[in-house]
C-alpha atoms as a PDB file:
ATOM      1  CA  UNK A   1     115.973  72.551 102.252  1.00  0.00           C
ATOM      2  CA  UNK A   2     112.531  74.154 102.397  1.00  0.00           C
ATOM      3  CA  UNK A   3     111.128  75.833  99.293  1.00  0.00           C
ATOM      4  CA  UNK A   4     108.645  78.653  99.684  1.00  0.00           C
ATOM      5  CA  UNK A   5     106.234  79.193  96.821  1.00  0.00           C
ATOM      6  CA  UNK A   6     106.422  82.752  95.554  1.00  0.00           C
ATOM      7  CA  UNK A   7     103.223  84.723  95.376  1.00  0.00           C
ATOM      8  CA  UNK A   8     102.016  85.042  91.810  1.00  0.00           C
ATOM      9  CA  UNK A   9      99.092  86.754  90.146  1.00  0.00           C
ATOM     10  CA  UNK A  10      97.855  86.782  86.579  1.00  0.00           C
ATOM     11  CA  UNK A  11      98.691  90.118  84.990  1.00  0.00           C
ATOM     12  CA  UNK A  12      97.055  89.387  81.626  1.00  0.00           C
ATOM     13  CA  UNK A  13      96.054  86.423  79.483  1.00  0.00           C
ATOM     14  CA  UNK A  14      94.487  85.524  76.185  1.00  0.00           C
ATOM     15  CA  UNK A  15      94.519  82.466  73.934  1.00  0.00           C
ATOM     16  CA  UNK A  16      98.139  83.063  72.885  1.00  0.00           C
ATOM     17  CA  UNK A  17      99.761  83.268  76.316  1.00  0.00           C
ATOM     18  CA  UNK A  18      99.473  84.091  79.990  1.00  0.00           C
ATOM     19  CA  UNK A  19     101.460  86.757  81.848  1.00  0.00           C
ATOM     20  CA  UNK A  20     102.070  86.059  85.530  1.00  0.00           C
ATOM     21  CA  UNK A  21     103.529  88.683  87.859  1.00  0.00           C
ATOM     22  CA  UNK A  22     105.904  86.843  90.178  1.00  0.00           C
ATOM     23  CA  UNK A  23     106.437  88.524  93.564  1.00  0.00           C
ATOM     24  CA  UNK A  24     110.173  87.883  93.256  1.00  0.00           C
ATOM     25  CA  UNK A  25     110.346  90.679  90.694  1.00  0.00           C
ATOM     26  CA  UNK A  26     109.955  89.093  87.287  1.00  0.00           C
ATOM     27  CA  UNK A  27     107.255  88.364  84.735  1.00  0.00           C
ATOM     28  CA  UNK A  28     106.430  84.842  83.577  1.00  0.00           C
ATOM     29  CA  UNK A  29     105.472  84.844  79.910  1.00  0.00           C
ATOM     30  CA  UNK A  30     103.874  81.443  79.317  1.00  0.00           C
ATOM     31  CA  UNK A  31     103.162  80.785  75.637  1.00  0.00           C
ATOM     32  CA  UNK A  32     100.323  78.409  74.799  1.00  0.00           C
ATOM     33  CA  UNK A  33     100.465  75.750  72.052  1.00  0.00           C
ATOM     34  CA  UNK A  34      97.374  77.100  70.281  1.00  0.00           C
ATOM     35  CA  UNK A  35      98.588  80.722  70.155  1.00  0.00           C
ATOM     36  CA  UNK A  36      98.551  81.244  66.396  1.00  0.00           C
ATOM     37  CA  UNK A  37      96.552  84.480  66.275  1.00  0.00           C
ATOM     38  CA  UNK A  38      98.898  87.338  65.339  1.00  0.00           C
ATOM     39  CA  UNK A  39      96.684  89.983  66.958  1.00  0.00           C
ATOM     40  CA  UNK A  40      96.632  88.105  70.263  1.00  0.00           C
ATOM     41  CA  UNK A  41     100.366  87.487  70.141  1.00  0.00           C
ATOM     42  CA  UNK A  42     101.000  91.188  69.602  1.00  0.00           C
ATOM     43  CA  UNK A  43      98.586  91.958  72.436  1.00  0.00           C
ATOM     44  CA  UNK A  44     100.671  89.724  74.726  1.00  0.00           C
ATOM     45  CA  UNK A  45     103.833  91.555  73.701  1.00  0.00           C
ATOM     46  CA  UNK A  46     102.216  94.949  74.346  1.00  0.00           C
ATOM     47  CA  UNK A  47     100.973  93.822  77.763  1.00  0.00           C
ATOM     48  CA  UNK A  48     104.464  92.508  78.532  1.00  0.00           C
ATOM     49  CA  UNK A  49     105.816  95.937  77.643  1.00  0.00           C
ATOM     50  CA  UNK A  50     103.210  97.585  79.896  1.00  0.00           C
ATOM     51  CA  UNK A  51     104.342  95.370  82.802  1.00  0.00           C
ATOM     52  CA  UNK A  52     108.005  96.236  82.157  1.00  0.00           C
ATOM     53  CA  UNK A  53     107.245  99.966  82.139  1.00  0.00           C
ATOM     54  CA  UNK A  54     104.994  99.805  85.220  1.00  0.00           C
ATOM     55  CA  UNK A  55     107.333  97.758  87.379  1.00  0.00           C
ATOM     56  CA  UNK A  56     110.782  98.634  85.987  1.00  0.00           C
ATOM     57  CA  UNK A  57     111.926  95.148  87.115  1.00  0.00           C
ATOM     58  CA  UNK A  58     113.369  94.391  83.676  1.00  0.00           C
ATOM     59  CA  UNK A  59     113.300  90.583  84.060  1.00  0.00           C
ATOM     60  CA  UNK A  60     111.259  87.997  82.165  1.00  0.00           C
ATOM     61  CA  UNK A  61     111.011  84.232  82.389  1.00  0.00           C
ATOM     62  CA  UNK A  62     109.853  83.268  78.894  1.00  0.00           C
ATOM     63  CA  UNK A  63     108.289  79.817  78.954  1.00  0.00           C
ATOM     64  CA  UNK A  64     108.388  78.959  75.267  1.00  0.00           C
ATOM     65  CA  UNK A  65     108.123  75.189  75.593  1.00  0.00           C
ATOM     66  CA  UNK A  66     104.821  75.061  73.702  1.00  0.00           C
ATOM     67  CA  UNK A  67     105.182  78.256  71.702  1.00  0.00           C
ATOM     68  CA  UNK A  68     104.161  78.473  68.064  1.00  0.00           C
ATOM     69  CA  UNK A  69     107.012  79.924  65.941  1.00  0.00           C
ATOM     70  CA  UNK A  70     106.986  83.653  65.210  1.00  0.00           C
ATOM     71  CA  UNK A  71     106.487  84.509  61.546  1.00  0.00           C
ATOM     72  CA  UNK A  72     109.129  86.587  59.752  1.00  0.00           C
ATOM     73  CA  UNK A  73     106.834  89.636  59.992  1.00  0.00           C
ATOM     74  CA  UNK A  74     106.397  89.106  63.750  1.00  0.00           C
ATOM     75  CA  UNK A  75     110.149  88.748  64.208  1.00  0.00           C
ATOM     76  CA  UNK A  76     110.703  92.020  62.349  1.00  0.00           C
ATOM     77  CA  UNK A  77     108.054  93.842  64.409  1.00  0.00           C
ATOM     78  CA  UNK A  78     109.601  92.616  67.676  1.00  0.00           C
ATOM     79  CA  UNK A  79     113.097  93.646  66.595  1.00  0.00           C
ATOM     80  CA  UNK A  80     112.160  97.028  65.136  1.00  0.00           C
ATOM     81  CA  UNK A  81     109.256  98.159  67.325  1.00  0.00           C
ATOM     82  CA  UNK A  82     109.017  96.145  70.524  1.00  0.00           C
ATOM     83  CA  UNK A  83     112.642  95.790  71.653  1.00  0.00           C
ATOM     84  CA  UNK A  84     113.468  99.515  71.435  1.00  0.00           C
ATOM     85  CA  UNK A  85     110.533 100.333  73.717  1.00  0.00           C
ATOM     86  CA  UNK A  86     111.190  97.406  76.058  1.00  0.00           C
ATOM     87  CA  UNK A  87     114.894  98.173  76.460  1.00  0.00           C
ATOM     88  CA  UNK A  88     114.404 101.952  76.714  1.00  0.00           C
ATOM     89  CA  UNK A  89     111.327 102.913  78.751  1.00  0.00           C
ATOM     90  CA  UNK A  90     110.749  99.304  79.870  1.00  0.00           C
ATOM     91  CA  UNK A  91     114.210  98.809  81.392  1.00  0.00           C
ATOM     92  CA  UNK A  92     114.293  95.273  79.928  1.00  0.00           C
ATOM     93  CA  UNK A  93     117.640  93.783  80.953  1.00  0.00           C
ATOM     94  CA  UNK A  94     117.426  90.055  81.735  1.00  0.00           C
ATOM     95  CA  UNK A  95     115.639  87.113  80.073  1.00  0.00           C
ATOM     96  CA  UNK A  96     115.611  83.431  80.985  1.00  0.00           C
ATOM     97  CA  UNK A  97     114.099  81.192  78.317  1.00  0.00           C
ATOM     98  CA  UNK A  98     112.602  77.733  78.743  1.00  0.00           C
ATOM     99  CA  UNK A  99     113.370  76.406  75.288  1.00  0.00           C
ATOM    100  CA  UNK A 100     110.616  75.458  72.839  1.00  0.00           C
ATOM    101  CA  UNK A 101     110.090  71.787  72.097  1.00  0.00           C
ATOM    102  CA  UNK A 102     109.427  72.702  68.447  1.00  0.00           C
ATOM    103  CA  UNK A 103     112.651  73.184  66.421  1.00  0.00           C
ATOM    104  CA  UNK A 104     111.128  75.924  64.226  1.00  0.00           C
ATOM    105  CA  UNK A 105     109.992  77.839  67.315  1.00  0.00           C
ATOM    106  CA  UNK A 106     113.455  77.447  68.837  1.00  0.00           C
ATOM    107  CA  UNK A 107     115.053  78.870  65.689  1.00  0.00           C
ATOM    108  CA  UNK A 108     112.585  81.796  65.475  1.00  0.00           C
ATOM    109  CA  UNK A 109     113.119  82.626  69.144  1.00  0.00           C
ATOM    110  CA  UNK A 110     116.893  82.676  68.723  1.00  0.00           C
ATOM    111  CA  UNK A 111     116.672  84.811  65.574  1.00  0.00           C
ATOM    112  CA  UNK A 112     114.587  87.449  67.363  1.00  0.00           C
ATOM    113  CA  UNK A 113     117.112  87.775  70.191  1.00  0.00           C
ATOM    114  CA  UNK A 114     120.316  88.081  68.137  1.00  0.00           C
ATOM    115  CA  UNK A 115     120.041  91.845  67.454  1.00  0.00           C
ATOM    116  CA  UNK A 116     119.788  92.670  71.190  1.00  0.00           C
ATOM    117  CA  UNK A 117     122.341  90.200  72.531  1.00  0.00           C
ATOM    118  CA  UNK A 118     124.574  93.052  73.722  1.00  0.00           C
ATOM    119  CA  UNK A 119     121.734  94.897  75.451  1.00  0.00           C
ATOM    120  CA  UNK A 120     119.941  92.065  77.262  1.00  0.00           C
ATOM    121  CA  UNK A 121     121.490  89.270  79.321  1.00  0.00           C
ATOM    122  CA  UNK A 122     119.751  86.070  78.335  1.00  0.00           C
ATOM    123  CA  UNK A 123     120.217  82.400  78.845  1.00  0.00           C
ATOM    124  CA  UNK A 124     118.358  79.296  77.655  1.00  0.00           C
ATOM    125  CA  UNK A 125     117.273  76.509  79.981  1.00  0.00           C
ATOM    126  CA  UNK A 126     115.471  73.194  80.018  1.00  0.00           C
ATOM    127  CA  UNK A 127     114.904  73.338  83.788  1.00  0.00           C
ATOM    128  CA  UNK A 128     112.583  75.989  85.263  1.00  0.00           C
ATOM    129  CA  UNK A 129     114.254  76.076  88.699  1.00  0.00           C
ATOM    130  CA  UNK A 130     117.640  76.717  87.096  1.00  0.00           C
ATOM    131  CA  UNK A 131     116.131  79.440  84.903  1.00  0.00           C
ATOM    132  CA  UNK A 132     114.622  81.210  87.907  1.00  0.00           C
ATOM    133  CA  UNK A 133     117.845  80.951  89.910  1.00  0.00           C
ATOM    134  CA  UNK A 134     119.795  82.524  87.039  1.00  0.00           C
ATOM    135  CA  UNK A 135     117.163  85.222  86.529  1.00  0.00           C
ATOM    136  CA  UNK A 136     117.322  86.244  90.183  1.00  0.00           C
ATOM    137  CA  UNK A 137     121.132  86.068  90.491  1.00  0.00           C
END
């Protein structure tokens, strides 16, 4: 079997994370291990929303392997302010997650997703190739 590398380009990045526009029609959200700054984390979320609205692809590969846990205030902001905009105007429908290595980050990530579990199809993975295959199915 021959694998062809998909064309990718950086959409946005800061010290918290990098957003990569994958030509296959999804956004890679790659969290960095030093991404503690709340302002930069919110900036990443807003840029993710901008990508969703611009493209209407509605699919994200969230690479959270090195993510710093969201605080309770960040979780609340995502649930109350970000998700409604992402699901509505952003057409956010599908999310594949590469699970965090950090147990606290894993718990925070799961807690954020619970309120939208009936609106977004999501699945957790340890293997990136499997995550991408599911995301594109």
